[in-house]
Amino acid sequence: MNYAPTPKARRPYRQTARAASAEANRTSVLEAFRRRLEGDWFEDIRLEDVAQDAGVTVQTVIRLFGGKDGLIDATMDRMAKAINLNRGAPTEDASLLVKRIIEDYEQIGDLVMRLLAQEERHPAIRKVTDFGRSEHRASLGKAFAAALSPLPETEASQRLDALVVATDIYVWKLIRRDMRRPVSELRTLMERMIQAALTACPVSPLKAEHHDVQ
């Protein structure tokens, strides 16, 4: 009796195997591209090098991502998903929030700083960095919605500005890379600046004008 599978029975298996292979190629290409981003400027990265690093053909890279703009979009989307997973649900616990933010910066901070240094030269990178700024501000707005929502619109916006500054990646870079301070000091500083942002007295328009640089 012949128990050999029919072509119809084999097709789903082949499709599953093909999909798994395509996903493996996609992951390999994105990891290779990220390594190149960490060490090279965007304009110096060649698809041929990314393909060789990933163990695929250039045609495969083009078929999966279209080119370098598609690669950077996909890379940042992957990073954003990892960040969102790490950040978890919004929290007003400043210590927990700072812990999550610093964990993200410790993992991707150097790469993000390299991208920020190139954003004026490459629209594809600028789109990514602008999205990151917008998402960072929005996440803080959600985290501290209870503290900000009762305030007048202008004051709430000013306090949110201060929260963005307090937790910005440039603060991480200044403390961790330039000053070479430990994470514990960065955490304490960010927590203090968050507290100041939430409790400081608003600056009146008259005082703001008085301190303007002439």
C-alpha atoms as a PDB file:
ATOM      1  CA  MET A   1       0.000   0.000   0.000  1.00  0.00           C
ATOM      2  CA  ASN A   2       1.405   3.412  -1.036  1.00  0.00           C
ATOM      3  CA  TYR A   3       1.478   5.997   1.796  1.00  0.00           C
ATOM      4  CA  ALA A   4       3.512   8.607  -0.095  1.00  0.00           C
ATOM      5  CA  PRO A   5       2.055  12.100   0.436  1.00  0.00           C
ATOM      6  CA  THR A   6       0.245  13.651  -2.469  1.00  0.00           C
ATOM      7  CA  PRO A   7       1.499  16.932  -4.005  1.00  0.00           C
ATOM      8  CA  LYS A   8      -1.334  18.744  -2.240  1.00  0.00           C
ATOM      9  CA  ALA A   9      -0.210  17.411   1.141  1.00  0.00           C
ATOM     10  CA  ARG A  10       3.396  18.481   0.512  1.00  0.00           C
ATOM     11  CA  ARG A  11       2.571  22.020  -0.620  1.00  0.00           C
ATOM     12  CA  PRO A  12       1.757  23.499   2.852  1.00  0.00           C
ATOM     13  CA  TYR A  13       5.038  22.102   4.195  1.00  0.00           C
ATOM     14  CA  ARG A  14       6.988  23.635   1.325  1.00  0.00           C
ATOM     15  CA  GLN A  15       5.257  26.968   1.808  1.00  0.00           C
ATOM     16  CA  THR A  16       6.039  26.923   5.536  1.00  0.00           C
ATOM     17  CA  ALA A  17       9.677  26.048   4.872  1.00  0.00           C
ATOM     18  CA  ARG A  18       9.921  28.802   2.262  1.00  0.00           C
ATOM     19  CA  ALA A  19       8.437  31.353   4.655  1.00  0.00           C
ATOM     20  CA  ALA A  20      10.827  30.282   7.419  1.00  0.00           C
ATOM     21  CA  SER A  21      13.778  30.599   5.053  1.00  0.00           C
ATOM     22  CA  ALA A  22      12.669  34.060   3.941  1.00  0.00           C
ATOM     23  CA  GLU A  23      12.312  35.204   7.566  1.00  0.00           C
ATOM     24  CA  ALA A  24      15.756  33.812   8.412  1.00  0.00           C
ATOM     25  CA  ASN A  25      17.222  35.721   5.460  1.00  0.00           C
ATOM     26  CA  ARG A  26      15.415  38.877   6.531  1.00  0.00           C
ATOM     27  CA  THR A  27      16.802  38.610  10.069  1.00  0.00           C
ATOM     28  CA  SER A  28      20.333  37.916   8.828  1.00  0.00           C
ATOM     29  CA  VAL A  29      20.242  40.911   6.474  1.00  0.00           C
ATOM     30  CA  LEU A  30      18.908  43.277   9.149  1.00  0.00           C
ATOM     31  CA  GLU A  31      21.538  42.147  11.652  1.00  0.00           C
ATOM     32  CA  ALA A  32      24.276  42.591   9.047  1.00  0.00           C
ATOM     33  CA  PHE A  33      22.980  46.035   8.132  1.00  0.00           C
ATOM     34  CA  ARG A  34      22.843  47.099  11.765  1.00  0.00           C
ATOM     35  CA  ARG A  35      26.445  46.043  12.299  1.00  0.00           C
ATOM     36  CA  ARG A  36      27.411  48.134   9.293  1.00  0.00           C
ATOM     37  CA  LEU A  37      25.461  51.114  10.653  1.00  0.00           C
ATOM     38  CA  GLU A  38      27.332  50.853  13.940  1.00  0.00           C
ATOM     39  CA  GLY A  39      30.697  51.104  12.213  1.00  0.00           C
ATOM     40  CA  ASP A  40      30.188  52.896   8.894  1.00  0.00           C
ATOM     41  CA  TRP A  41      28.507  56.059   7.677  1.00  0.00           C
ATOM     42  CA  PHE A  42      25.268  55.491   5.821  1.00  0.00           C
ATOM     43  CA  GLU A  43      26.642  56.675   2.466  1.00  0.00           C
ATOM     44  CA  ASP A  44      29.559  54.237   2.714  1.00  0.00           C
ATOM     45  CA  ILE A  45      27.420  51.148   3.254  1.00  0.00           C
ATOM     46  CA  ARG A  46      27.113  49.026   0.112  1.00  0.00           C
ATOM     47  CA  LEU A  47      24.391  46.467  -0.488  1.00  0.00           C
ATOM     48  CA  GLU A  48      27.087  44.083  -1.691  1.00  0.00           C
ATOM     49  CA  ASP A  49      28.776  44.215   1.714  1.00  0.00           C
ATOM     50  CA  VAL A  50      25.506  43.740   3.590  1.00  0.00           C
ATOM     51  CA  ALA A  51      24.636  40.764   1.395  1.00  0.00           C
ATOM     52  CA  GLN A  52      28.053  39.188   1.892  1.00  0.00           C
ATOM     53  CA  ASP A  53      27.867  39.694   5.666  1.00  0.00           C
ATOM     54  CA  ALA A  54      24.413  38.102   5.734  1.00  0.00           C
ATOM     55  CA  GLY A  55      25.339  35.193   3.465  1.00  0.00           C
ATOM     56  CA  VAL A  56      22.775  36.059   0.789  1.00  0.00           C
ATOM     57  CA  THR A  57      22.787  37.624  -2.660  1.00  0.00           C
ATOM     58  CA  VAL A  58      22.326  41.304  -3.431  1.00  0.00           C
ATOM     59  CA  GLN A  59      19.173  40.340  -5.310  1.00  0.00           C
ATOM     60  CA  THR A  60      17.798  38.847  -2.087  1.00  0.00           C
ATOM     61  CA  VAL A  61      18.495  42.067  -0.195  1.00  0.00           C
ATOM     62  CA  ILE A  62      16.778  44.119  -2.896  1.00  0.00           C
ATOM     63  CA  ARG A  63      13.822  41.731  -3.062  1.00  0.00           C
ATOM     64  CA  LEU A  64      13.323  41.870   0.713  1.00  0.00           C
ATOM     65  CA  PHE A  65      13.958  45.581   1.343  1.00  0.00           C
ATOM     66  CA  GLY A  66      14.294  47.433  -1.940  1.00  0.00           C
ATOM     67  CA  GLY A  67      17.501  49.237  -0.967  1.00  0.00           C
ATOM     68  CA  LYS A  68      19.191  51.095   1.858  1.00  0.00           C
ATOM     69  CA  ASP A  69      16.175  53.304   2.623  1.00  0.00           C
ATOM     70  CA  GLY A  70      14.061  50.187   3.066  1.00  0.00           C
ATOM     71  CA  LEU A  71      16.772  48.609   5.179  1.00  0.00           C
ATOM     72  CA  ILE A  72      16.952  51.523   7.574  1.00  0.00           C
ATOM     73  CA  ASP A  73      13.161  51.703   7.855  1.00  0.00           C
ATOM     74  CA  ALA A  74      12.998  48.001   8.702  1.00  0.00           C
ATOM     75  CA  THR A  75      15.908  48.265  11.142  1.00  0.00           C
ATOM     76  CA  MET A  76      14.297  51.120  13.028  1.00  0.00           C
ATOM     77  CA  ASP A  77      10.936  49.356  13.060  1.00  0.00           C
ATOM     78  CA  ARG A  78      12.645  46.353  14.623  1.00  0.00           C
ATOM     79  CA  MET A  79      14.339  48.552  17.207  1.00  0.00           C
ATOM     80  CA  ALA A  80      11.073  50.341  17.997  1.00  0.00           C
ATOM     81  CA  LYS A  81       9.329  47.027  18.670  1.00  0.00           C
ATOM     82  CA  ALA A  82      12.126  45.979  21.027  1.00  0.00           C
ATOM     83  CA  ILE A  83      11.911  49.331  22.835  1.00  0.00           C
ATOM     84  CA  ASN A  84       8.137  49.116  23.189  1.00  0.00           C
ATOM     85  CA  LEU A  85       8.478  45.597  24.571  1.00  0.00           C
ATOM     86  CA  ASN A  86      11.038  46.756  27.133  1.00  0.00           C
ATOM     87  CA  ARG A  87       9.120  49.901  28.105  1.00  0.00           C
ATOM     88  CA  GLY A  88       5.963  47.930  28.853  1.00  0.00           C
ATOM     89  CA  ALA A  89       2.824  49.690  30.001  1.00  0.00           C
ATOM     90  CA  PRO A  90       3.018  53.438  30.768  1.00  0.00           C
ATOM     91  CA  THR A  91       4.023  54.115  34.366  1.00  0.00           C
ATOM     92  CA  GLU A  92       4.218  57.189  36.583  1.00  0.00           C
ATOM     93  CA  ASP A  93       6.853  55.460  38.692  1.00  0.00           C
ATOM     94  CA  ALA A  94       9.833  57.670  37.809  1.00  0.00           C
ATOM     95  CA  SER A  95      12.373  55.111  39.011  1.00  0.00           C
ATOM     96  CA  LEU A  96      10.903  52.349  36.857  1.00  0.00           C
ATOM     97  CA  LEU A  97      10.511  54.642  33.871  1.00  0.00           C
ATOM     98  CA  VAL A  98      14.117  55.837  34.098  1.00  0.00           C
ATOM     99  CA  LYS A  99      15.335  52.254  34.510  1.00  0.00           C
ATOM    100  CA  ARG A 100      13.582  51.244  31.285  1.00  0.00           C
ATOM    101  CA  ILE A 101      14.807  54.269  29.348  1.00  0.00           C
ATOM    102  CA  ILE A 102      18.417  53.786  30.421  1.00  0.00           C
ATOM    103  CA  GLU A 103      18.258  50.097  29.504  1.00  0.00           C
ATOM    104  CA  ASP A 104      17.213  51.134  26.005  1.00  0.00           C
ATOM    105  CA  TYR A 105      19.967  53.718  25.728  1.00  0.00           C
ATOM    106  CA  GLU A 106      22.604  51.287  26.948  1.00  0.00           C
ATOM    107  CA  GLN A 107      21.618  48.895  24.164  1.00  0.00           C
ATOM    108  CA  ILE A 108      21.049  51.264  21.234  1.00  0.00           C
ATOM    109  CA  GLY A 109      22.351  54.653  22.370  1.00  0.00           C
ATOM    110  CA  ASP A 110      25.610  54.616  20.425  1.00  0.00           C
ATOM    111  CA  LEU A 111      23.825  53.630  17.209  1.00  0.00           C
ATOM    112  CA  VAL A 112      21.175  56.313  17.683  1.00  0.00           C
ATOM    113  CA  MET A 113      23.853  58.949  18.256  1.00  0.00           C
ATOM    114  CA  ARG A 114      25.520  57.940  14.979  1.00  0.00           C
ATOM    115  CA  LEU A 115      22.186  58.284  13.199  1.00  0.00           C
ATOM    116  CA  LEU A 116      21.568  61.704  14.738  1.00  0.00           C
ATOM    117  CA  ALA A 117      24.965  62.819  13.441  1.00  0.00           C
ATOM    118  CA  GLN A 118      23.841  61.921   9.903  1.00  0.00           C
ATOM    119  CA  GLU A 119      20.221  63.037   9.865  1.00  0.00           C
ATOM    120  CA  GLU A 120      20.888  66.335   8.086  1.00  0.00           C
ATOM    121  CA  ARG A 121      22.513  64.505   5.164  1.00  0.00           C
ATOM    122  CA  HIS A 122      20.017  61.705   4.623  1.00  0.00           C
ATOM    123  CA  PRO A 123      16.219  62.143   4.491  1.00  0.00           C
ATOM    124  CA  ALA A 124      15.718  58.429   5.232  1.00  0.00           C
ATOM    125  CA  ILE A 125      17.605  58.796   8.502  1.00  0.00           C
ATOM    126  CA  ARG A 126      15.893  62.094   9.328  1.00  0.00           C
ATOM    127  CA  LYS A 127      12.514  60.400   8.988  1.00  0.00           C
ATOM    128  CA  VAL A 128      13.606  57.772  11.495  1.00  0.00           C
ATOM    129  CA  THR A 129      15.051  60.229  14.023  1.00  0.00           C
ATOM    130  CA  ASP A 130      12.003  62.492  13.793  1.00  0.00           C
ATOM    131  CA  PHE A 131       9.809  59.467  14.468  1.00  0.00           C
ATOM    132  CA  GLY A 132      11.951  58.583  17.482  1.00  0.00           C
ATOM    133  CA  ARG A 133      11.593  62.088  18.915  1.00  0.00           C
ATOM    134  CA  SER A 134       7.842  62.012  18.422  1.00  0.00           C
ATOM    135  CA  GLU A 135       7.492  58.588  20.026  1.00  0.00           C
ATOM    136  CA  HIS A 136       9.658  59.560  23.006  1.00  0.00           C
ATOM    137  CA  ARG A 137       7.565  62.648  23.683  1.00  0.00           C
ATOM    138  CA  ALA A 138       4.298  60.748  23.235  1.00  0.00           C
ATOM    139  CA  SER A 139       5.392  57.996  25.618  1.00  0.00           C
ATOM    140  CA  LEU A 140       6.223  60.546  28.320  1.00  0.00           C
ATOM    141  CA  GLY A 141       2.908  62.279  27.756  1.00  0.00           C
ATOM    142  CA  LYS A 142       1.121  58.980  28.366  1.00  0.00           C
ATOM    143  CA  ALA A 143       3.264  58.089  31.371  1.00  0.00           C
ATOM    144  CA  PHE A 144       2.564  61.397  33.139  1.00  0.00           C
ATOM    145  CA  ALA A 145      -0.906  62.086  31.778  1.00  0.00           C
ATOM    146  CA  ALA A 146      -2.415  62.179  35.272  1.00  0.00           C
ATOM    147  CA  ALA A 147       0.020  64.910  36.374  1.00  0.00           C
ATOM    148  CA  LEU A 148      -0.155  66.927  33.149  1.00  0.00           C
ATOM    149  CA  SER A 149      -3.813  66.770  32.140  1.00  0.00           C
ATOM    150  CA  PRO A 150      -5.172  69.022  34.966  1.00  0.00           C
ATOM    151  CA  LEU A 151      -2.749  71.810  34.022  1.00  0.00           C
ATOM    152  CA  PRO A 152      -3.411  74.647  31.577  1.00  0.00           C
ATOM    153  CA  GLU A 153      -2.351  73.661  28.075  1.00  0.00           C
ATOM    154  CA  THR A 154       0.708  75.923  27.940  1.00  0.00           C
ATOM    155  CA  GLU A 155       2.014  74.828  31.324  1.00  0.00           C
ATOM    156  CA  ALA A 156       1.406  71.160  30.538  1.00  0.00           C
ATOM    157  CA  SER A 157       3.350  71.554  27.294  1.00  0.00           C
ATOM    158  CA  GLN A 158       6.242  73.266  29.103  1.00  0.00           C
ATOM    159  CA  ARG A 159       6.418  70.539  31.726  1.00  0.00           C
ATOM    160  CA  LEU A 160       6.345  67.886  29.019  1.00  0.00           C
ATOM    161  CA  ASP A 161       9.198  69.720  27.286  1.00  0.00           C
ATOM    162  CA  ALA A 162      11.151  69.501  30.541  1.00  0.00           C
ATOM    163  CA  LEU A 163      10.408  65.782  30.882  1.00  0.00           C
ATOM    164  CA  VAL A 164      11.658  65.191  27.346  1.00  0.00           C
ATOM    165  CA  VAL A 165      14.879  67.058  28.133  1.00  0.00           C
ATOM    166  CA  ALA A 166      15.331  65.200  31.431  1.00  0.00           C
ATOM    167  CA  THR A 167      15.209  61.803  29.722  1.00  0.00           C
ATOM    168  CA  ASP A 168      16.768  62.663  26.366  1.00  0.00           C
ATOM    169  CA  ILE A 169      19.436  60.490  24.800  1.00  0.00           C
ATOM    170  CA  TYR A 170      21.844  63.436  24.789  1.00  0.00           C
ATOM    171  CA  VAL A 171      21.725  63.387  28.605  1.00  0.00           C
ATOM    172  CA  TRP A 172      22.653  59.708  28.487  1.00  0.00           C
ATOM    173  CA  LYS A 173      25.499  60.456  26.056  1.00  0.00           C
ATOM    174  CA  LEU A 174      26.816  63.340  28.153  1.00  0.00           C
ATOM    175  CA  ILE A 175      26.820  61.405  31.435  1.00  0.00           C
ATOM    176  CA  ARG A 176      27.725  57.906  30.264  1.00  0.00           C
ATOM    177  CA  ARG A 177      30.037  58.558  27.337  1.00  0.00           C
ATOM    178  CA  ASP A 178      31.519  62.053  27.820  1.00  0.00           C
ATOM    179  CA  MET A 179      31.749  62.121  31.621  1.00  0.00           C
ATOM    180  CA  ARG A 180      32.081  58.329  31.948  1.00  0.00           C
ATOM    181  CA  ARG A 181      29.843  58.218  35.000  1.00  0.00           C
ATOM    182  CA  PRO A 182      28.120  55.014  36.167  1.00  0.00           C
ATOM    183  CA  VAL A 183      24.509  54.183  35.403  1.00  0.00           C
ATOM    184  CA  SER A 184      23.567  54.819  39.011  1.00  0.00           C
ATOM    185  CA  GLU A 185      24.548  58.487  38.721  1.00  0.00           C
ATOM    186  CA  LEU A 186      22.631  58.888  35.472  1.00  0.00           C
ATOM    187  CA  ARG A 187      19.574  57.290  37.044  1.00  0.00           C
ATOM    188  CA  THR A 188      19.689  59.626  40.037  1.00  0.00           C
ATOM    189  CA  LEU A 189      20.113  62.687  37.825  1.00  0.00           C
ATOM    190  CA  MET A 190      17.223  61.763  35.545  1.00  0.00           C
ATOM    191  CA  GLU A 191      14.931  61.057  38.479  1.00  0.00           C
ATOM    192  CA  ARG A 192      15.761  64.438  40.033  1.00  0.00           C
ATOM    193  CA  MET A 193      15.151  66.264  36.762  1.00  0.00           C
ATOM    194  CA  ILE A 194      11.820  64.486  36.302  1.00  0.00           C
ATOM    195  CA  GLN A 195      10.779  65.522  39.799  1.00  0.00           C
ATOM    196  CA  ALA A 196      11.825  69.101  39.073  1.00  0.00           C
ATOM    197  CA  ALA A 197       9.910  69.110  35.806  1.00  0.00           C
ATOM    198  CA  LEU A 198       6.735  68.001  37.551  1.00  0.00           C
ATOM    199  CA  THR A 199       6.951  70.343  40.556  1.00  0.00           C
ATOM    200  CA  ALA A 200       8.725  73.512  39.389  1.00  0.00           C
ATOM    201  CA  CYS A 201       6.749  76.746  39.447  1.00  0.00           C
ATOM    202  CA  PRO A 202       5.769  77.901  35.967  1.00  0.00           C
ATOM    203  CA  VAL A 203       7.727  80.816  34.535  1.00  0.00           C
ATOM    204  CA  SER A 204       5.609  83.894  33.864  1.00  0.00           C
ATOM    205  CA  PRO A 205       5.809  85.506  30.394  1.00  0.00           C
ATOM    206  CA  LEU A 206       7.243  88.677  31.999  1.00  0.00           C
ATOM    207  CA  LYS A 207      10.105  86.766  33.651  1.00  0.00           C
ATOM    208  CA  ALA A 208      10.744  84.798  30.478  1.00  0.00           C
ATOM    209  CA  GLU A 209      11.097  88.029  28.483  1.00  0.00           C
ATOM    210  CA  HIS A 210      13.366  89.530  31.165  1.00  0.00           C
ATOM    211  CA  HIS A 211      15.829  86.646  30.765  1.00  0.00           C
ATOM    212  CA  ASP A 212      15.856  86.603  26.966  1.00  0.00           C
ATOM    213  CA  VAL A 213      19.302  86.967  25.430  1.00  0.00           C
ATOM    214  CA  GLN A 214      19.613  90.309  23.703  1.00  0.00           C
END
